[in-house]
Amino acid sequence: MLLDQSRAIPSLAPQTGRGDYPAATAGHAARVLAMLAIVLSCASCGHPPRPLLAFRTEQQAQAHCPDDTVVWLNFQSGTYYLKGQGPYGHSDPGRYACRDEAEGAGMHGMANP
C-alpha cells in the first residue's frame, strides 16, 4: 500500500488541484496496474508487503527515515533510483521514499544508467 504523507491520501489518485477526483485516465490506470502487479508479486513470496510511505520532497523522506537512504520511486517499473542516478527526482510519476521501505514493498534498485 502506498501512502502519500504530504496530502494524507493515496498518491495514485489523480488530482486536479481543486480537491475533486476526475474519472481515471489511462496514465492513472497504468500506475494502478503497476502497483497491483508489485503487490501481487510480493504476495506470492509468502508474506504481505509492508506499507510504503512516499513523499513529495526529499527532505520529507529524510525526516521520516534519518538513518536510511532516500530513493526516487518509479511506480510504473517497480524500481527505485539512488541520488546521482539520472532519473532521480525527475521521472514522472515518481516520489521519494526510504530505501528499506521500498525494498520491503517489493521495489527493486536500478543499476546506474
N, C-alpha and C. Protein backbone atom coordinates (compact mmCIF):
# COMPACT_ATOMS: atom_id res chain seq x y z
N MET A 1 0.85 -1.16 0.00
CA MET A 1 0.00 0.00 0.00
C MET A 1 0.91 1.23 0.00
N LEU A 2 0.59 2.19 -0.82
CA LEU A 2 1.40 3.41 -0.94
C LEU A 2 0.63 4.56 -0.33
N LEU A 3 1.24 5.23 0.64
CA LEU A 3 0.60 6.37 1.29
C LEU A 3 1.40 7.62 1.00
N ASP A 4 0.74 8.66 0.59
CA ASP A 4 1.38 9.94 0.31
C ASP A 4 1.21 10.81 1.55
N GLN A 5 2.27 10.98 2.32
CA GLN A 5 2.19 11.69 3.59
C GLN A 5 1.95 13.19 3.42
N SER A 6 2.29 13.76 2.27
CA SER A 6 2.16 15.20 2.12
C SER A 6 0.71 15.64 1.93
N ARG A 7 -0.17 14.74 1.55
CA ARG A 7 -1.58 15.09 1.39
C ARG A 7 -2.50 14.16 2.17
N ALA A 8 -1.95 13.11 2.77
CA ALA A 8 -2.70 12.14 3.56
C ALA A 8 -3.78 11.47 2.75
N ILE A 9 -3.52 11.26 1.47
CA ILE A 9 -4.42 10.49 0.60
C ILE A 9 -3.55 9.60 -0.27
N PRO A 10 -4.10 8.53 -0.83
CA PRO A 10 -3.28 7.70 -1.72
C PRO A 10 -2.72 8.54 -2.86
N SER A 11 -1.42 8.45 -3.10
CA SER A 11 -0.78 9.30 -4.09
C SER A 11 -1.11 8.89 -5.52
N LEU A 12 -1.71 7.72 -5.72
CA LEU A 12 -2.06 7.31 -7.08
C LEU A 12 -3.37 7.92 -7.55
N ALA A 13 -4.11 8.57 -6.66
CA ALA A 13 -5.37 9.19 -7.07
C ALA A 13 -5.08 10.44 -7.89
N PRO A 14 -5.70 10.54 -9.07
CA PRO A 14 -5.47 11.74 -9.88
C PRO A 14 -6.03 12.97 -9.18
N GLN A 15 -5.33 14.08 -9.26
CA GLN A 15 -5.77 15.29 -8.60
C GLN A 15 -5.84 16.43 -9.59
N THR A 16 -6.84 17.27 -9.42
CA THR A 16 -6.99 18.43 -10.29
C THR A 16 -6.57 19.69 -9.57
N GLY A 17 -6.26 19.59 -8.28
CA GLY A 17 -5.88 20.76 -7.51
C GLY A 17 -7.08 21.43 -6.85
N ARG A 18 -8.28 21.01 -7.19
CA ARG A 18 -9.48 21.59 -6.60
C ARG A 18 -10.10 20.66 -5.57
N GLY A 19 -9.45 19.51 -5.31
CA GLY A 19 -9.98 18.60 -4.31
C GLY A 19 -10.94 17.58 -4.88
N ASP A 20 -11.30 17.67 -6.16
CA ASP A 20 -12.18 16.68 -6.73
C ASP A 20 -11.35 15.68 -7.52
N TYR A 21 -11.90 14.52 -7.80
CA TYR A 21 -11.18 13.45 -8.46
C TYR A 21 -11.91 13.07 -9.74
N PRO A 22 -11.32 13.37 -10.88
CA PRO A 22 -11.95 13.06 -12.15
C PRO A 22 -11.89 11.56 -12.43
N ALA A 23 -12.57 11.12 -13.46
CA ALA A 23 -12.52 9.72 -13.86
C ALA A 23 -11.07 9.35 -14.16
N ALA A 24 -10.75 8.07 -13.92
CA ALA A 24 -9.36 7.61 -14.11
C ALA A 24 -8.91 7.81 -15.55
N THR A 25 -7.69 8.28 -15.69
CA THR A 25 -7.10 8.45 -17.01
C THR A 25 -6.29 7.21 -17.34
N ALA A 26 -5.84 7.11 -18.58
CA ALA A 26 -5.03 5.97 -18.99
C ALA A 26 -3.75 5.90 -18.17
N GLY A 27 -3.12 7.05 -17.91
CA GLY A 27 -1.90 7.07 -17.10
C GLY A 27 -2.16 6.61 -15.68
N HIS A 28 -3.26 7.05 -15.12
CA HIS A 28 -3.62 6.64 -13.77
C HIS A 28 -3.87 5.14 -13.72
N ALA A 29 -4.59 4.63 -14.71
CA ALA A 29 -4.87 3.20 -14.77
C ALA A 29 -3.58 2.40 -14.87
N ALA A 30 -2.62 2.88 -15.66
CA ALA A 30 -1.34 2.18 -15.80
C ALA A 30 -0.59 2.14 -14.47
N ARG A 31 -0.61 3.24 -13.73
CA ARG A 31 0.06 3.27 -12.42
C ARG A 31 -0.60 2.31 -11.44
N VAL A 32 -1.92 2.28 -11.46
CA VAL A 32 -2.63 1.37 -10.56
C VAL A 32 -2.29 -0.08 -10.91
N LEU A 33 -2.27 -0.41 -12.18
CA LEU A 33 -1.92 -1.77 -12.59
C LEU A 33 -0.49 -2.12 -12.22
N ALA A 34 0.42 -1.18 -12.35
CA ALA A 34 1.82 -1.44 -11.98
C ALA A 34 1.93 -1.71 -10.49
N MET A 35 1.27 -0.91 -9.67
CA MET A 35 1.31 -1.13 -8.22
C MET A 35 0.64 -2.45 -7.84
N LEU A 36 -0.45 -2.80 -8.52
CA LEU A 36 -1.12 -4.07 -8.27
C LEU A 36 -0.19 -5.23 -8.59
N ALA A 37 0.54 -5.13 -9.69
CA ALA A 37 1.48 -6.18 -10.06
C ALA A 37 2.56 -6.35 -9.00
N ILE A 38 3.04 -5.24 -8.44
CA ILE A 38 4.06 -5.30 -7.40
C ILE A 38 3.51 -5.99 -6.16
N VAL A 39 2.30 -5.61 -5.77
CA VAL A 39 1.68 -6.19 -4.58
C VAL A 39 1.45 -7.68 -4.78
N LEU A 40 0.93 -8.08 -5.94
CA LEU A 40 0.67 -9.49 -6.20
C LEU A 40 1.96 -10.30 -6.27
N SER A 41 3.00 -9.74 -6.85
CA SER A 41 4.26 -10.49 -6.93
C SER A 41 4.85 -10.69 -5.54
N CYS A 42 4.70 -9.70 -4.69
CA CYS A 42 5.22 -9.83 -3.33
C CYS A 42 4.34 -10.77 -2.51
N ALA A 43 3.04 -10.77 -2.76
CA ALA A 43 2.14 -11.66 -2.04
C ALA A 43 2.50 -13.12 -2.30
N SER A 44 3.03 -13.40 -3.48
CA SER A 44 3.39 -14.77 -3.81
C SER A 44 4.63 -15.25 -3.06
N CYS A 45 5.38 -14.33 -2.43
CA CYS A 45 6.57 -14.74 -1.70
C CYS A 45 6.24 -15.16 -0.27
N GLY A 46 4.98 -15.19 0.10
CA GLY A 46 4.58 -15.76 1.37
C GLY A 46 4.35 -14.78 2.50
N HIS A 47 4.57 -13.50 2.29
CA HIS A 47 4.30 -12.52 3.33
C HIS A 47 3.73 -11.27 2.68
N PRO A 48 2.84 -10.59 3.41
CA PRO A 48 2.23 -9.39 2.83
C PRO A 48 3.25 -8.26 2.71
N PRO A 49 3.09 -7.41 1.70
CA PRO A 49 4.01 -6.28 1.57
C PRO A 49 3.83 -5.29 2.72
N ARG A 50 4.91 -4.64 3.12
CA ARG A 50 4.82 -3.62 4.14
C ARG A 50 4.32 -2.32 3.51
N PRO A 51 3.67 -1.48 4.29
CA PRO A 51 3.24 -0.19 3.74
C PRO A 51 4.45 0.62 3.27
N LEU A 52 4.28 1.30 2.17
CA LEU A 52 5.33 2.13 1.60
C LEU A 52 4.88 3.58 1.66
N LEU A 53 5.57 4.39 2.45
CA LEU A 53 5.25 5.80 2.54
C LEU A 53 6.05 6.55 1.50
N ALA A 54 5.37 7.36 0.70
CA ALA A 54 6.02 8.14 -0.35
C ALA A 54 5.85 9.62 -0.04
N PHE A 55 6.84 10.41 -0.45
CA PHE A 55 6.86 11.83 -0.11
C PHE A 55 7.11 12.66 -1.35
N ARG A 56 6.60 13.88 -1.34
CA ARG A 56 6.79 14.80 -2.47
C ARG A 56 8.17 15.43 -2.48
N THR A 57 8.80 15.54 -1.32
CA THR A 57 10.13 16.15 -1.27
C THR A 57 11.14 15.19 -0.63
N GLU A 58 12.38 15.38 -1.01
CA GLU A 58 13.47 14.58 -0.46
C GLU A 58 13.61 14.84 1.04
N GLN A 59 13.41 16.08 1.46
CA GLN A 59 13.54 16.45 2.86
C GLN A 59 12.48 15.74 3.72
N GLN A 60 11.25 15.61 3.21
CA GLN A 60 10.21 14.90 3.95
C GLN A 60 10.60 13.43 4.15
N ALA A 61 11.11 12.82 3.10
CA ALA A 61 11.51 11.41 3.19
C ALA A 61 12.66 11.24 4.18
N GLN A 62 13.66 12.12 4.11
CA GLN A 62 14.81 12.01 5.01
C GLN A 62 14.42 12.22 6.46
N ALA A 63 13.45 13.10 6.71
CA ALA A 63 12.96 13.30 8.07
C ALA A 63 12.25 12.05 8.59
N HIS A 64 11.60 11.32 7.69
CA HIS A 64 10.89 10.10 8.07
C HIS A 64 11.87 8.97 8.40
N CYS A 65 12.99 8.92 7.68
CA CYS A 65 13.96 7.84 7.89
C CYS A 65 15.38 8.42 7.92
N PRO A 66 15.74 9.08 8.99
CA PRO A 66 17.05 9.76 9.06
C PRO A 66 18.25 8.82 8.95
N ASP A 67 18.07 7.54 9.26
CA ASP A 67 19.19 6.59 9.22
C ASP A 67 19.17 5.72 7.97
N ASP A 68 18.32 6.05 7.00
CA ASP A 68 18.19 5.26 5.78
C ASP A 68 18.51 6.13 4.57
N THR A 69 18.69 5.51 3.43
CA THR A 69 18.96 6.22 2.19
C THR A 69 17.64 6.58 1.52
N VAL A 70 17.50 7.82 1.07
CA VAL A 70 16.31 8.24 0.34
C VAL A 70 16.49 7.85 -1.12
N VAL A 71 15.42 7.29 -1.71
CA VAL A 71 15.45 6.87 -3.11
C VAL A 71 14.28 7.52 -3.85
N TRP A 72 14.36 7.52 -5.18
CA TRP A 72 13.29 8.02 -6.05
C TRP A 72 12.58 6.81 -6.63
N LEU A 73 11.28 6.73 -6.40
CA LEU A 73 10.49 5.59 -6.87
C LEU A 73 9.94 5.84 -8.27
N ASN A 74 9.98 4.82 -9.10
CA ASN A 74 9.31 4.82 -10.40
C ASN A 74 8.23 3.76 -10.30
N PHE A 75 6.99 4.19 -10.13
CA PHE A 75 5.89 3.26 -9.90
C PHE A 75 5.60 2.37 -11.10
N GLN A 76 5.77 2.90 -12.29
CA GLN A 76 5.42 2.14 -13.48
C GLN A 76 6.32 0.93 -13.67
N SER A 77 7.59 1.05 -13.30
CA SER A 77 8.51 -0.08 -13.48
C SER A 77 8.74 -0.86 -12.19
N GLY A 78 8.30 -0.33 -11.05
CA GLY A 78 8.52 -1.00 -9.78
C GLY A 78 9.96 -0.93 -9.33
N THR A 79 10.65 0.14 -9.74
CA THR A 79 12.06 0.29 -9.42
C THR A 79 12.31 1.58 -8.65
N TYR A 80 13.53 1.69 -8.10
CA TYR A 80 13.93 2.94 -7.46
C TYR A 80 15.33 3.32 -7.91
N TYR A 81 15.64 4.61 -7.77
CA TYR A 81 16.94 5.15 -8.15
C TYR A 81 17.57 5.84 -6.96
N LEU A 82 18.89 5.77 -6.89
CA LEU A 82 19.65 6.46 -5.86
C LEU A 82 20.00 7.87 -6.32
N LYS A 83 20.27 8.74 -5.35
CA LYS A 83 20.68 10.10 -5.68
C LYS A 83 21.95 10.03 -6.54
N GLY A 84 21.98 10.82 -7.60
CA GLY A 84 23.09 10.80 -8.52
C GLY A 84 22.82 10.01 -9.78
N GLN A 85 21.82 9.13 -9.74
CA GLN A 85 21.42 8.42 -10.94
C GLN A 85 20.50 9.33 -11.75
N GLY A 86 20.60 9.29 -13.06
CA GLY A 86 19.90 10.21 -13.96
C GLY A 86 18.45 10.51 -13.64
N PRO A 87 17.59 9.50 -13.49
CA PRO A 87 16.16 9.77 -13.27
C PRO A 87 15.80 10.25 -11.85
N TYR A 88 16.77 10.25 -10.93
CA TYR A 88 16.47 10.59 -9.53
C TYR A 88 15.81 11.97 -9.46
N GLY A 89 14.59 11.99 -8.95
CA GLY A 89 13.86 13.24 -8.76
C GLY A 89 13.24 13.82 -10.01
N HIS A 90 13.39 13.15 -11.16
CA HIS A 90 12.92 13.74 -12.41
C HIS A 90 11.87 12.93 -13.15
N SER A 91 11.87 11.61 -13.04
CA SER A 91 10.91 10.81 -13.82
C SER A 91 9.51 11.00 -13.26
N ASP A 92 8.55 10.93 -14.14
CA ASP A 92 7.16 11.14 -13.73
C ASP A 92 6.34 9.94 -14.17
N PRO A 93 5.53 9.33 -13.34
CA PRO A 93 5.27 9.71 -11.97
C PRO A 93 6.35 9.15 -11.04
N GLY A 94 6.56 9.79 -9.96
CA GLY A 94 7.54 9.32 -9.00
C GLY A 94 7.43 10.05 -7.69
N ARG A 95 7.99 9.48 -6.66
CA ARG A 95 8.01 10.07 -5.32
C ARG A 95 9.28 9.62 -4.62
N TYR A 96 9.62 10.33 -3.55
CA TYR A 96 10.75 9.97 -2.70
C TYR A 96 10.27 8.99 -1.63
N ALA A 97 11.17 8.10 -1.22
CA ALA A 97 10.84 7.13 -0.17
C ALA A 97 12.13 6.67 0.48
N CYS A 98 11.99 5.89 1.54
CA CYS A 98 13.13 5.30 2.23
C CYS A 98 13.47 3.97 1.56
N ARG A 99 14.75 3.73 1.36
CA ARG A 99 15.19 2.54 0.63
C ARG A 99 14.70 1.25 1.27
N ASP A 100 14.83 1.10 2.59
CA ASP A 100 14.40 -0.13 3.26
C ASP A 100 12.91 -0.38 3.06
N GLU A 101 12.11 0.68 3.16
CA GLU A 101 10.67 0.53 2.97
C GLU A 101 10.35 0.18 1.52
N ALA A 102 11.07 0.77 0.58
CA ALA A 102 10.85 0.48 -0.84
C ALA A 102 11.15 -0.99 -1.13
N GLU A 103 12.26 -1.48 -0.62
CA GLU A 103 12.61 -2.88 -0.83
C GLU A 103 11.61 -3.80 -0.14
N GLY A 104 11.15 -3.42 1.05
CA GLY A 104 10.15 -4.22 1.76
C GLY A 104 8.82 -4.29 1.03
N ALA A 105 8.54 -3.28 0.22
CA ALA A 105 7.29 -3.26 -0.56
C ALA A 105 7.45 -3.90 -1.93
N GLY A 106 8.65 -4.45 -2.22
CA GLY A 106 8.84 -5.16 -3.47
C GLY A 106 9.49 -4.36 -4.58
N MET A 107 9.91 -3.11 -4.30
CA MET A 107 10.58 -2.31 -5.31
C MET A 107 12.03 -2.79 -5.42
N HIS A 108 12.63 -2.59 -6.60
CA HIS A 108 13.98 -3.06 -6.85
C HIS A 108 14.85 -1.89 -7.32
N GLY A 109 16.10 -1.86 -6.87
CA GLY A 109 17.04 -0.82 -7.28
C GLY A 109 17.49 -1.03 -8.72
N MET A 110 17.79 0.08 -9.38
CA MET A 110 18.28 0.04 -10.75
C MET A 110 19.78 0.26 -10.76
N ALA A 111 20.43 -0.41 -11.72
CA ALA A 111 21.86 -0.16 -11.92
C ALA A 111 22.01 1.26 -12.45
N ASN A 112 23.14 1.85 -12.26
CA ASN A 112 23.38 3.21 -12.72
C ASN A 112 23.26 3.27 -14.25
N PRO A 113 22.23 4.03 -14.77
CA PRO A 113 22.03 4.07 -16.22
C PRO A 113 23.11 4.84 -16.93
